[in-house]
Amino acid sequence: MKIQIGLMGSAGGSISEEELALARRVGRRIAERDCTIVTGACPGLPHAAVLGAHEAGGISMGVSPALSPEEHVNVYGSPLQPYTTMVFTGSGLMGRETHNIHSSDFVLFLGGRSGTLGEFCIAYDEGKLIGILRNSGGISNEFERIADLVKKTTGSIIVATESPEDLVDWCLDKYKTEPIPSSKAFDRDAQQSLPPSRPRPRIVQETRG
């Protein structure tokens, strides 16, 4: 099965052409690395990333808040094309966030508003590998600082860089080599340990220029 990479970011608001171009480059790189891109099937930056992936012949999965294709388009005003496959959760915008994160092997963030912040909190709390595209606009520029403020050891590894291609490549390297826990929503203090085959990871915040 292909690695599924979540791409979370602004669906609306003020999005510049430069930010859309960055998202498109992330999606293209995901496809070039033979991975599946997973988004909330919404407009804005996630849609730009899906377009980039499909331009490169990639596969995409949309996780919709709606109950049906009709509701997806007419109520949520979101696109059905060019997704390879679509999951209709019926969970609404906030409920859909959990499905997004759980459907992703690791998650990349760019831009973003309150919904993207919610997805970051879920990913961080559950020990996911997180990639942040720096200077891509929106709330994602604050995620490294938010992680420092939280002071909660979840096992999440945070990678941050300004290059879309490096972000995908570096996160893939980390995912394949680091013992990343999955869906463990609790503090991992000194008295708690993971199974021997999955040694306790450290929180790492790394940057690439």
N, C-alpha and C. Protein backbone atom coordinates (compact mmCIF):
# COMPACT_ATOMS: atom_id res chain seq x y z
N MET A 1 0.84 -1.19 0.00
CA MET A 1 0.00 0.00 0.00
C MET A 1 0.88 1.24 0.00
N LYS A 2 0.48 2.26 -0.73
CA LYS A 2 1.23 3.50 -0.78
C LYS A 2 1.17 4.23 0.56
N ILE A 3 2.21 4.95 0.89
CA ILE A 3 2.20 5.82 2.06
C ILE A 3 1.20 6.94 1.81
N GLN A 4 0.36 7.22 2.80
CA GLN A 4 -0.67 8.26 2.69
C GLN A 4 -0.22 9.50 3.46
N ILE A 5 -0.04 10.59 2.74
CA ILE A 5 0.47 11.82 3.34
C ILE A 5 -0.66 12.85 3.41
N GLY A 6 -1.00 13.25 4.62
CA GLY A 6 -2.04 14.25 4.81
C GLY A 6 -1.51 15.64 4.51
N LEU A 7 -2.32 16.44 3.85
CA LEU A 7 -1.96 17.83 3.55
C LEU A 7 -3.07 18.72 4.08
N MET A 8 -2.77 19.50 5.10
CA MET A 8 -3.77 20.34 5.76
C MET A 8 -3.39 21.81 5.62
N GLY A 9 -4.39 22.65 5.34
CA GLY A 9 -4.13 24.08 5.18
C GLY A 9 -5.40 24.85 4.93
N SER A 10 -5.25 26.12 4.63
CA SER A 10 -6.38 27.03 4.49
C SER A 10 -7.30 26.62 3.34
N ALA A 11 -8.60 26.52 3.66
CA ALA A 11 -9.60 26.28 2.61
C ALA A 11 -10.14 27.58 2.05
N GLY A 12 -10.00 28.65 2.80
CA GLY A 12 -10.53 29.94 2.37
C GLY A 12 -9.78 31.08 3.01
N GLY A 13 -10.39 32.25 2.99
CA GLY A 13 -9.71 33.43 3.51
C GLY A 13 -8.77 34.02 2.49
N SER A 14 -7.82 34.77 2.98
CA SER A 14 -6.86 35.43 2.10
C SER A 14 -5.72 34.48 1.75
N ILE A 15 -5.70 34.00 0.52
CA ILE A 15 -4.66 33.08 0.05
C ILE A 15 -4.01 33.70 -1.18
N SER A 16 -2.71 33.89 -1.13
CA SER A 16 -2.02 34.52 -2.25
C SER A 16 -1.68 33.50 -3.33
N GLU A 17 -1.36 33.99 -4.51
CA GLU A 17 -0.93 33.12 -5.59
C GLU A 17 0.37 32.39 -5.24
N GLU A 18 1.22 33.06 -4.48
CA GLU A 18 2.48 32.44 -4.07
C GLU A 18 2.21 31.25 -3.13
N GLU A 19 1.24 31.40 -2.23
CA GLU A 19 0.90 30.31 -1.31
C GLU A 19 0.27 29.14 -2.06
N LEU A 20 -0.59 29.44 -3.04
CA LEU A 20 -1.18 28.38 -3.86
C LEU A 20 -0.10 27.63 -4.63
N ALA A 21 0.89 28.36 -5.12
CA ALA A 21 1.98 27.72 -5.86
C ALA A 21 2.80 26.81 -4.95
N LEU A 22 3.03 27.22 -3.71
CA LEU A 22 3.74 26.37 -2.75
C LEU A 22 2.97 25.07 -2.50
N ALA A 23 1.65 25.20 -2.32
CA ALA A 23 0.82 24.01 -2.09
C ALA A 23 0.88 23.07 -3.28
N ARG A 24 0.84 23.64 -4.47
CA ARG A 24 0.90 22.83 -5.69
C ARG A 24 2.22 22.06 -5.76
N ARG A 25 3.30 22.70 -5.35
CA ARG A 25 4.60 22.04 -5.34
C ARG A 25 4.65 20.89 -4.33
N VAL A 26 4.01 21.08 -3.17
CA VAL A 26 3.96 20.00 -2.18
C VAL A 26 3.22 18.80 -2.77
N GLY A 27 2.05 19.05 -3.37
CA GLY A 27 1.29 17.96 -3.96
C GLY A 27 2.05 17.25 -5.06
N ARG A 28 2.72 18.02 -5.90
CA ARG A 28 3.50 17.42 -6.98
C ARG A 28 4.59 16.52 -6.42
N ARG A 29 5.27 16.99 -5.36
CA ARG A 29 6.35 16.18 -4.79
C ARG A 29 5.82 14.90 -4.16
N ILE A 30 4.65 14.97 -3.53
CA ILE A 30 4.04 13.77 -2.97
C ILE A 30 3.81 12.73 -4.06
N ALA A 31 3.30 13.19 -5.21
CA ALA A 31 3.07 12.28 -6.33
C ALA A 31 4.38 11.74 -6.88
N GLU A 32 5.39 12.60 -7.00
CA GLU A 32 6.68 12.17 -7.52
C GLU A 32 7.33 11.10 -6.64
N ARG A 33 7.02 11.15 -5.34
CA ARG A 33 7.55 10.14 -4.42
C ARG A 33 6.64 8.92 -4.30
N ASP A 34 5.66 8.81 -5.20
CA ASP A 34 4.78 7.65 -5.30
C ASP A 34 3.96 7.44 -4.02
N CYS A 35 3.47 8.54 -3.46
CA CYS A 35 2.62 8.48 -2.28
C CYS A 35 1.22 9.01 -2.62
N THR A 36 0.27 8.70 -1.76
CA THR A 36 -1.11 9.19 -1.91
C THR A 36 -1.27 10.45 -1.08
N ILE A 37 -1.84 11.50 -1.66
CA ILE A 37 -2.13 12.71 -0.91
C ILE A 37 -3.53 12.60 -0.32
N VAL A 38 -3.66 12.97 0.96
CA VAL A 38 -4.94 12.94 1.67
C VAL A 38 -5.27 14.36 2.11
N THR A 39 -6.46 14.84 1.76
CA THR A 39 -6.89 16.17 2.20
C THR A 39 -8.34 16.11 2.67
N GLY A 40 -8.81 17.25 3.17
CA GLY A 40 -10.20 17.37 3.57
C GLY A 40 -11.15 17.63 2.42
N ALA A 41 -10.67 17.45 1.19
CA ALA A 41 -11.49 17.60 -0.01
C ALA A 41 -12.14 18.98 -0.08
N CYS A 42 -11.37 19.98 0.32
CA CYS A 42 -11.90 21.34 0.39
C CYS A 42 -11.20 22.23 -0.63
N PRO A 43 -11.70 23.45 -0.83
CA PRO A 43 -11.02 24.39 -1.74
C PRO A 43 -9.71 24.89 -1.12
N GLY A 44 -9.13 25.89 -1.75
CA GLY A 44 -7.96 26.57 -1.19
C GLY A 44 -6.66 25.81 -1.36
N LEU A 45 -5.82 25.84 -0.33
CA LEU A 45 -4.50 25.23 -0.41
C LEU A 45 -4.55 23.71 -0.59
N PRO A 46 -5.42 22.98 0.14
CA PRO A 46 -5.48 21.54 -0.09
C PRO A 46 -5.85 21.19 -1.54
N HIS A 47 -6.78 21.95 -2.12
CA HIS A 47 -7.17 21.67 -3.50
C HIS A 47 -6.01 21.96 -4.46
N ALA A 48 -5.27 23.03 -4.21
CA ALA A 48 -4.11 23.33 -5.04
C ALA A 48 -3.09 22.20 -4.97
N ALA A 49 -2.91 21.62 -3.78
CA ALA A 49 -1.97 20.51 -3.63
C ALA A 49 -2.44 19.28 -4.40
N VAL A 50 -3.74 19.02 -4.37
CA VAL A 50 -4.28 17.88 -5.12
C VAL A 50 -4.10 18.10 -6.62
N LEU A 51 -4.31 19.32 -7.08
CA LEU A 51 -4.08 19.61 -8.50
C LEU A 51 -2.62 19.36 -8.88
N GLY A 52 -1.71 19.77 -8.01
CA GLY A 52 -0.30 19.51 -8.27
C GLY A 52 0.01 18.03 -8.32
N ALA A 53 -0.60 17.26 -7.42
CA ALA A 53 -0.38 15.82 -7.41
C ALA A 53 -0.89 15.18 -8.70
N HIS A 54 -2.06 15.60 -9.16
CA HIS A 54 -2.64 15.00 -10.35
C HIS A 54 -1.90 15.42 -11.62
N GLU A 55 -1.34 16.61 -11.63
CA GLU A 55 -0.50 17.01 -12.76
C GLU A 55 0.70 16.08 -12.91
N ALA A 56 1.14 15.52 -11.78
CA ALA A 56 2.29 14.61 -11.79
C ALA A 56 1.86 13.15 -11.85
N GLY A 57 0.58 12.91 -12.12
CA GLY A 57 0.08 11.53 -12.23
C GLY A 57 -0.15 10.84 -10.92
N GLY A 58 -0.37 11.61 -9.84
CA GLY A 58 -0.53 11.03 -8.52
C GLY A 58 -1.95 10.61 -8.17
N ILE A 59 -2.07 9.98 -7.00
CA ILE A 59 -3.34 9.49 -6.47
C ILE A 59 -3.73 10.35 -5.27
N SER A 60 -5.03 10.62 -5.14
CA SER A 60 -5.51 11.45 -4.03
C SER A 60 -6.73 10.83 -3.38
N MET A 61 -6.87 11.11 -2.07
CA MET A 61 -8.05 10.71 -1.33
C MET A 61 -8.62 11.93 -0.62
N GLY A 62 -9.89 12.22 -0.84
CA GLY A 62 -10.56 13.31 -0.17
C GLY A 62 -11.42 12.80 0.97
N VAL A 63 -11.29 13.43 2.14
CA VAL A 63 -12.08 13.05 3.31
C VAL A 63 -13.12 14.15 3.52
N SER A 64 -14.35 13.87 3.11
CA SER A 64 -15.39 14.90 3.08
C SER A 64 -16.15 14.98 4.40
N PRO A 65 -16.57 16.20 4.78
CA PRO A 65 -17.44 16.34 5.95
C PRO A 65 -18.89 15.93 5.65
N ALA A 66 -19.19 15.72 4.38
CA ALA A 66 -20.58 15.54 3.94
C ALA A 66 -21.02 14.08 3.98
N LEU A 67 -22.33 13.90 3.82
CA LEU A 67 -22.93 12.57 3.76
C LEU A 67 -22.96 12.02 2.34
N SER A 68 -22.83 12.88 1.35
CA SER A 68 -23.02 12.47 -0.03
C SER A 68 -22.30 13.43 -0.96
N PRO A 69 -22.11 13.04 -2.22
CA PRO A 69 -21.52 13.97 -3.18
C PRO A 69 -22.33 15.25 -3.33
N GLU A 70 -23.65 15.13 -3.30
CA GLU A 70 -24.51 16.31 -3.46
C GLU A 70 -24.30 17.28 -2.31
N GLU A 71 -24.26 16.77 -1.09
CA GLU A 71 -24.04 17.64 0.06
C GLU A 71 -22.64 18.24 0.03
N HIS A 72 -21.68 17.45 -0.41
CA HIS A 72 -20.30 17.92 -0.49
C HIS A 72 -20.20 19.17 -1.37
N VAL A 73 -20.89 19.13 -2.51
CA VAL A 73 -20.83 20.24 -3.46
C VAL A 73 -21.77 21.37 -3.07
N ASN A 74 -23.03 21.05 -2.76
CA ASN A 74 -24.06 22.08 -2.60
C ASN A 74 -24.09 22.72 -1.22
N VAL A 75 -23.71 21.98 -0.19
CA VAL A 75 -23.72 22.52 1.17
C VAL A 75 -22.34 23.04 1.56
N TYR A 76 -21.31 22.25 1.29
CA TYR A 76 -19.96 22.63 1.71
C TYR A 76 -19.18 23.36 0.63
N GLY A 77 -19.74 23.42 -0.57
CA GLY A 77 -19.08 24.16 -1.64
C GLY A 77 -17.69 23.67 -1.96
N SER A 78 -17.53 22.36 -1.97
CA SER A 78 -16.21 21.76 -2.16
C SER A 78 -16.16 20.93 -3.43
N PRO A 79 -14.95 20.74 -3.97
CA PRO A 79 -14.81 20.04 -5.25
C PRO A 79 -14.81 18.52 -5.12
N LEU A 80 -15.30 17.84 -6.14
CA LEU A 80 -15.21 16.39 -6.24
C LEU A 80 -14.05 15.96 -7.14
N GLN A 81 -13.69 16.81 -8.08
CA GLN A 81 -12.62 16.52 -9.03
C GLN A 81 -11.37 17.31 -8.64
N PRO A 82 -10.19 16.76 -8.87
CA PRO A 82 -9.88 15.52 -9.58
C PRO A 82 -9.56 14.36 -8.65
N TYR A 83 -10.25 14.23 -7.53
CA TYR A 83 -9.92 13.20 -6.55
C TYR A 83 -10.03 11.80 -7.15
N THR A 84 -9.08 10.93 -6.78
CA THR A 84 -9.12 9.54 -7.19
C THR A 84 -10.22 8.80 -6.45
N THR A 85 -10.34 9.09 -5.15
CA THR A 85 -11.38 8.48 -4.33
C THR A 85 -11.82 9.46 -3.26
N MET A 86 -13.05 9.28 -2.77
CA MET A 86 -13.61 10.19 -1.78
C MET A 86 -14.27 9.38 -0.67
N VAL A 87 -14.04 9.81 0.57
CA VAL A 87 -14.69 9.20 1.73
C VAL A 87 -15.69 10.21 2.28
N PHE A 88 -16.95 9.82 2.38
CA PHE A 88 -17.99 10.71 2.89
C PHE A 88 -18.27 10.34 4.35
N THR A 89 -17.76 11.18 5.26
CA THR A 89 -17.83 10.85 6.69
C THR A 89 -19.16 11.23 7.32
N GLY A 90 -19.82 12.26 6.81
CA GLY A 90 -21.03 12.76 7.45
C GLY A 90 -20.76 13.35 8.82
N SER A 91 -19.51 13.71 9.09
CA SER A 91 -19.10 14.16 10.43
C SER A 91 -19.06 15.67 10.60
N GLY A 92 -19.34 16.42 9.51
CA GLY A 92 -19.22 17.86 9.60
C GLY A 92 -17.77 18.29 9.54
N LEU A 93 -17.58 19.60 9.53
CA LEU A 93 -16.24 20.14 9.36
C LEU A 93 -15.30 19.77 10.50
N MET A 94 -15.77 19.89 11.73
CA MET A 94 -14.89 19.61 12.87
C MET A 94 -14.68 18.11 13.04
N GLY A 95 -15.74 17.32 12.87
CA GLY A 95 -15.60 15.87 13.02
C GLY A 95 -14.71 15.27 11.96
N ARG A 96 -14.72 15.86 10.78
CA ARG A 96 -13.91 15.38 9.68
C ARG A 96 -12.41 15.46 9.97
N GLU A 97 -12.02 16.39 10.85
CA GLU A 97 -10.60 16.58 11.14
C GLU A 97 -9.94 15.31 11.69
N THR A 98 -10.63 14.61 12.57
CA THR A 98 -10.08 13.38 13.14
C THR A 98 -9.89 12.33 12.06
N HIS A 99 -10.86 12.20 11.16
CA HIS A 99 -10.72 11.25 10.05
C HIS A 99 -9.53 11.60 9.18
N ASN A 100 -9.33 12.89 8.93
CA ASN A 100 -8.18 13.34 8.14
C ASN A 100 -6.87 12.82 8.72
N ILE A 101 -6.68 13.05 10.01
CA ILE A 101 -5.43 12.70 10.66
C ILE A 101 -5.26 11.19 10.73
N HIS A 102 -6.32 10.48 11.07
CA HIS A 102 -6.22 9.03 11.20
C HIS A 102 -6.00 8.34 9.85
N SER A 103 -6.38 9.00 8.76
CA SER A 103 -6.19 8.43 7.43
C SER A 103 -4.80 8.71 6.87
N SER A 104 -4.00 9.46 7.60
CA SER A 104 -2.68 9.89 7.12
C SER A 104 -1.57 9.21 7.91
N ASP A 105 -0.57 8.71 7.21
CA ASP A 105 0.59 8.13 7.90
C ASP A 105 1.40 9.23 8.59
N PHE A 106 1.51 10.37 7.93
CA PHE A 106 2.02 11.57 8.58
C PHE A 106 1.37 12.77 7.92
N VAL A 107 1.53 13.95 8.52
CA VAL A 107 0.73 15.10 8.12
C VAL A 107 1.62 16.31 7.86
N LEU A 108 1.34 16.99 6.75
CA LEU A 108 2.02 18.23 6.39
C LEU A 108 1.06 19.40 6.55
N PHE A 109 1.58 20.52 7.04
CA PHE A 109 0.76 21.70 7.27
C PHE A 109 1.33 22.91 6.54
N LEU A 110 0.45 23.67 5.91
CA LEU A 110 0.82 24.95 5.35
C LEU A 110 -0.36 25.90 5.44
N GLY A 111 -0.05 27.19 5.66
CA GLY A 111 -1.13 28.16 5.82
C GLY A 111 -2.01 27.76 6.99
N GLY A 112 -3.31 27.96 6.81
CA GLY A 112 -4.26 27.46 7.80
C GLY A 112 -4.89 28.51 8.68
N ARG A 113 -6.07 28.13 9.18
CA ARG A 113 -6.82 28.95 10.13
C ARG A 113 -7.24 28.04 11.29
N SER A 114 -8.41 28.24 11.86
CA SER A 114 -8.80 27.51 13.06
C SER A 114 -8.94 26.01 12.80
N GLY A 115 -9.47 25.63 11.62
CA GLY A 115 -9.60 24.21 11.32
C GLY A 115 -8.26 23.51 11.23
N THR A 116 -7.29 24.18 10.62
CA THR A 116 -5.94 23.62 10.50
C THR A 116 -5.30 23.51 11.88
N LEU A 117 -5.57 24.47 12.75
CA LEU A 117 -5.07 24.40 14.12
C LEU A 117 -5.62 23.17 14.82
N GLY A 118 -6.91 22.89 14.62
CA GLY A 118 -7.51 21.69 15.22
C GLY A 118 -6.84 20.42 14.73
N GLU A 119 -6.55 20.36 13.45
CA GLU A 119 -5.89 19.18 12.89
C GLU A 119 -4.47 19.04 13.43
N PHE A 120 -3.78 20.16 13.60
CA PHE A 120 -2.45 20.10 14.19
C PHE A 120 -2.51 19.55 15.61
N CYS A 121 -3.47 20.00 16.40
CA CYS A 121 -3.58 19.54 17.79
C CYS A 121 -3.85 18.05 17.86
N ILE A 122 -4.70 17.54 16.97
CA ILE A 122 -4.97 16.10 16.95
C ILE A 122 -3.69 15.34 16.58
N ALA A 123 -3.02 15.79 15.53
CA ALA A 123 -1.81 15.11 15.08
C ALA A 123 -0.72 15.13 16.15
N TYR A 124 -0.55 16.28 16.80
CA TYR A 124 0.48 16.40 17.83
C TYR A 124 0.15 15.53 19.04
N ASP A 125 -1.10 15.55 19.47
CA ASP A 125 -1.50 14.81 20.65
C ASP A 125 -1.39 13.30 20.43
N GLU A 126 -1.51 12.87 19.20
CA GLU A 126 -1.49 11.44 18.91
C GLU A 126 -0.12 10.97 18.41
N GLY A 127 0.88 11.80 18.56
CA GLY A 127 2.24 11.37 18.29
C GLY A 127 2.58 11.20 16.83
N LYS A 128 1.90 11.93 15.95
CA LYS A 128 2.17 11.83 14.52
C LYS A 128 3.47 12.56 14.16
N LEU A 129 4.08 12.12 13.08
CA LEU A 129 5.13 12.89 12.43
C LEU A 129 4.47 14.06 11.73
N ILE A 130 4.97 15.27 11.99
CA ILE A 130 4.36 16.50 11.48
C ILE A 130 5.39 17.28 10.68
N GLY A 131 5.00 17.69 9.48
CA GLY A 131 5.84 18.56 8.68
C GLY A 131 5.19 19.93 8.54
N ILE A 132 5.96 20.98 8.71
CA ILE A 132 5.45 22.35 8.62
C ILE A 132 6.19 23.09 7.52
N LEU A 133 5.43 23.63 6.57
CA LEU A 133 6.04 24.45 5.53
C LEU A 133 6.09 25.88 6.04
N ARG A 134 7.28 26.33 6.37
CA ARG A 134 7.44 27.66 6.92
C ARG A 134 7.14 28.74 5.88
N ASN A 135 6.67 29.88 6.40
CA ASN A 135 6.39 31.05 5.56
C ASN A 135 5.39 30.75 4.45
N SER A 136 4.42 29.90 4.77
CA SER A 136 3.36 29.59 3.82
C SER A 136 2.06 30.29 4.17
N GLY A 137 2.14 31.24 5.11
CA GLY A 137 0.95 31.99 5.51
C GLY A 137 0.16 31.27 6.58
N GLY A 138 -0.66 32.05 7.31
CA GLY A 138 -1.61 31.43 8.23
C GLY A 138 -1.02 30.92 9.53
N ILE A 139 -1.82 30.11 10.23
CA ILE A 139 -1.53 29.66 11.58
C ILE A 139 -0.37 28.67 11.64
N SER A 140 -0.07 28.00 10.54
CA SER A 140 1.01 27.01 10.58
C SER A 140 2.36 27.64 10.93
N ASN A 141 2.51 28.94 10.67
CA ASN A 141 3.75 29.62 11.05
C ASN A 141 3.96 29.66 12.56
N GLU A 142 2.90 29.39 13.32
CA GLU A 142 2.99 29.44 14.78
C GLU A 142 3.08 28.05 15.42
N PHE A 143 3.02 26.98 14.63
CA PHE A 143 2.91 25.64 15.22
C PHE A 143 4.13 25.22 16.01
N GLU A 144 5.31 25.60 15.58
CA GLU A 144 6.50 25.25 16.36
C GLU A 144 6.45 25.91 17.73
N ARG A 145 6.03 27.17 17.77
CA ARG A 145 5.93 27.88 19.06
C ARG A 145 4.83 27.28 19.93
N ILE A 146 3.72 26.89 19.31
CA ILE A 146 2.62 26.28 20.06
C ILE A 146 3.09 24.97 20.69
N ALA A 147 3.83 24.17 19.95
CA ALA A 147 4.34 22.91 20.50
C ALA A 147 5.24 23.16 21.70
N ASP A 148 6.05 24.22 21.64
CA ASP A 148 6.91 24.57 22.78
C ASP A 148 6.07 24.98 23.99
N LEU A 149 4.99 25.72 23.74
CA LEU A 149 4.14 26.19 24.83
C LEU A 149 3.37 25.06 25.51
N VAL A 150 3.00 24.05 24.74
CA VAL A 150 2.18 22.96 25.27
C VAL A 150 2.93 22.16 26.32
N LYS A 151 4.21 21.90 26.09
CA LYS A 151 5.06 21.15 27.02
C LYS A 151 4.45 19.79 27.35
N LYS A 152 4.02 19.09 26.31
CA LYS A 152 3.44 17.75 26.48
C LYS A 152 4.23 16.78 25.62
N THR A 153 4.74 15.73 26.26
CA THR A 153 5.53 14.74 25.56
C THR A 153 4.61 13.71 24.94
N THR A 154 4.40 13.82 23.64
CA THR A 154 3.50 12.89 22.95
C THR A 154 4.25 11.95 22.02
N GLY A 155 5.52 12.21 21.77
CA GLY A 155 6.28 11.43 20.81
C GLY A 155 6.24 12.01 19.42
N SER A 156 5.50 13.09 19.23
CA SER A 156 5.41 13.71 17.91
C SER A 156 6.76 14.28 17.50
N ILE A 157 7.12 14.08 16.25
CA ILE A 157 8.34 14.65 15.68
C ILE A 157 7.92 15.74 14.72
N ILE A 158 8.50 16.92 14.87
CA ILE A 158 8.16 18.07 14.03
C ILE A 158 9.34 18.42 13.13
N VAL A 159 9.06 18.47 11.85
CA VAL A 159 10.05 18.86 10.85
C VAL A 159 9.56 20.15 10.20
N ALA A 160 10.42 21.14 10.08
CA ALA A 160 10.02 22.44 9.52
C ALA A 160 11.06 22.91 8.51
N THR A 161 10.60 23.38 7.37
CA THR A 161 11.48 23.90 6.32
C THR A 161 10.68 24.81 5.40
N GLU A 162 11.38 25.61 4.62
CA GLU A 162 10.71 26.51 3.68
C GLU A 162 10.58 25.90 2.28
N SER A 163 11.17 24.75 2.06
CA SER A 163 11.15 24.13 0.74
C SER A 163 10.08 23.04 0.67
N PRO A 164 9.11 23.14 -0.23
CA PRO A 164 8.08 22.09 -0.36
C PRO A 164 8.68 20.73 -0.66
N GLU A 165 9.65 20.68 -1.55
CA GLU A 165 10.25 19.40 -1.93
C GLU A 165 11.03 18.78 -0.77
N ASP A 166 11.81 19.61 -0.08
CA ASP A 166 12.56 19.11 1.07
C ASP A 166 11.63 18.62 2.16
N LEU A 167 10.51 19.32 2.37
CA LEU A 167 9.57 18.93 3.41
C LEU A 167 9.06 17.51 3.17
N VAL A 168 8.64 17.23 1.96
CA VAL A 168 8.14 15.89 1.63
C VAL A 168 9.25 14.86 1.78
N ASP A 169 10.41 15.15 1.21
CA ASP A 169 11.52 14.19 1.22
C ASP A 169 11.99 13.90 2.64
N TRP A 170 12.17 14.94 3.42
CA TRP A 170 12.70 14.77 4.77
C TRP A 170 11.71 14.02 5.66
N CYS A 171 10.43 14.35 5.53
CA CYS A 171 9.41 13.64 6.32
C CYS A 171 9.33 12.17 5.93
N LEU A 172 9.45 11.88 4.65
CA LEU A 172 9.47 10.48 4.22
C LEU A 172 10.66 9.74 4.82
N ASP A 173 11.82 10.37 4.83
CA ASP A 173 13.00 9.75 5.43
C ASP A 173 12.76 9.48 6.91
N LYS A 174 12.19 10.46 7.61
CA LYS A 174 11.91 10.29 9.03
C LYS A 174 10.91 9.17 9.28
N TYR A 175 9.85 9.16 8.46
CA TYR A 175 8.79 8.17 8.64
C TYR A 175 9.32 6.75 8.47
N LYS A 176 10.27 6.59 7.55
CA LYS A 176 10.79 5.26 7.26
C LYS A 176 11.85 4.80 8.26
N THR A 177 12.42 5.74 9.03
CA THR A 177 13.54 5.38 9.90
C THR A 177 13.27 5.58 11.39
N GLU A 178 12.36 6.49 11.75
CA GLU A 178 12.10 6.78 13.16
C GLU A 178 10.95 5.91 13.69
N PRO A 179 10.99 5.51 14.95
CA PRO A 179 9.88 4.76 15.55
C PRO A 179 8.74 5.71 15.92
N ILE A 180 7.82 5.93 14.99
CA ILE A 180 6.73 6.87 15.19
C ILE A 180 5.53 6.15 15.78
N PRO A 181 5.05 6.56 16.95
CA PRO A 181 3.85 5.92 17.50
C PRO A 181 2.60 6.32 16.71
N SER A 182 1.52 5.60 16.91
CA SER A 182 0.29 5.88 16.18
C SER A 182 -0.90 5.88 17.12
N SER A 183 -1.68 6.96 17.10
CA SER A 183 -2.92 7.05 17.85
C SER A 183 -2.73 6.74 19.34
N LYS A 184 -1.79 7.41 19.97
CA LYS A 184 -1.55 7.26 21.40
C LYS A 184 -1.78 8.60 22.07
N ALA A 185 -3.01 8.89 22.40
CA ALA A 185 -3.36 10.23 22.87
C ALA A 185 -3.22 10.33 24.39
N PHE A 186 -1.98 10.32 24.87
CA PHE A 186 -1.75 10.52 26.29
C PHE A 186 -0.31 10.95 26.49
N ASP A 187 -0.03 11.49 27.68
CA ASP A 187 1.34 11.89 28.01
C ASP A 187 2.22 10.65 28.14
N ARG A 188 3.39 10.70 27.57
CA ARG A 188 4.37 9.63 27.75
C ARG A 188 5.46 10.13 28.69
N ASP A 189 5.24 9.91 29.98
CA ASP A 189 6.24 10.38 30.94
C ASP A 189 7.26 9.27 31.19
N ALA A 190 8.13 9.50 32.15
CA ALA A 190 9.23 8.56 32.39
C ALA A 190 8.74 7.19 32.84
N GLN A 191 7.53 7.10 33.42
CA GLN A 191 7.02 5.83 33.92
C GLN A 191 6.33 5.02 32.82
N GLN A 192 6.11 5.61 31.66
CA GLN A 192 5.42 4.92 30.59
C GLN A 192 6.40 4.57 29.48
N SER A 193 6.18 3.45 28.86
CA SER A 193 7.08 3.05 27.78
C SER A 193 6.29 2.37 26.68
N LEU A 194 6.85 2.42 25.49
CA LEU A 194 6.28 1.73 24.35
C LEU A 194 6.81 0.30 24.32
N PRO A 195 6.21 -0.59 23.54
CA PRO A 195 6.73 -1.95 23.43
C PRO A 195 8.18 -1.95 22.97
N PRO A 196 8.94 -2.98 23.32
CA PRO A 196 10.37 -3.01 22.99
C PRO A 196 10.66 -2.79 21.52
N SER A 197 9.78 -3.28 20.63
CA SER A 197 10.03 -3.12 19.21
C SER A 197 9.80 -1.70 18.72
N ARG A 198 9.17 -0.88 19.55
CA ARG A 198 8.91 0.51 19.20
C ARG A 198 9.43 1.39 20.33
N PRO A 199 10.74 1.59 20.44
CA PRO A 199 11.31 2.34 21.56
C PRO A 199 10.77 3.77 21.62
N ARG A 200 10.76 4.30 22.85
CA ARG A 200 10.18 5.61 23.08
C ARG A 200 10.90 6.68 22.27
N PRO A 201 10.19 7.35 21.34
CA PRO A 201 10.84 8.39 20.56
C PRO A 201 10.96 9.69 21.34
N ARG A 202 11.83 10.53 20.89
CA ARG A 202 11.99 11.83 21.51
C ARG A 202 11.27 12.87 20.66
N ILE A 203 10.92 13.99 21.28
CA ILE A 203 10.40 15.11 20.50
C ILE A 203 11.58 15.82 19.85
N VAL A 204 11.49 15.99 18.56
CA VAL A 204 12.56 16.66 17.83
C VAL A 204 11.96 17.75 16.98
N GLN A 205 12.50 18.92 17.08
CA GLN A 205 12.10 19.99 16.17
C GLN A 205 13.32 20.33 15.33
N GLU A 206 13.19 20.05 14.04
CA GLU A 206 14.32 20.21 13.15
C GLU A 206 13.98 21.20 12.06
N THR A 207 15.00 21.85 11.56
CA THR A 207 14.79 22.85 10.51
C THR A 207 15.72 22.60 9.35
N ARG A 208 15.28 23.03 8.22
CA ARG A 208 16.14 23.04 7.04
C ARG A 208 16.03 24.39 6.39
N GLY A 209 17.12 24.99 6.05
CA GLY A 209 17.11 26.34 5.51
C GLY A 209 16.46 26.47 4.16
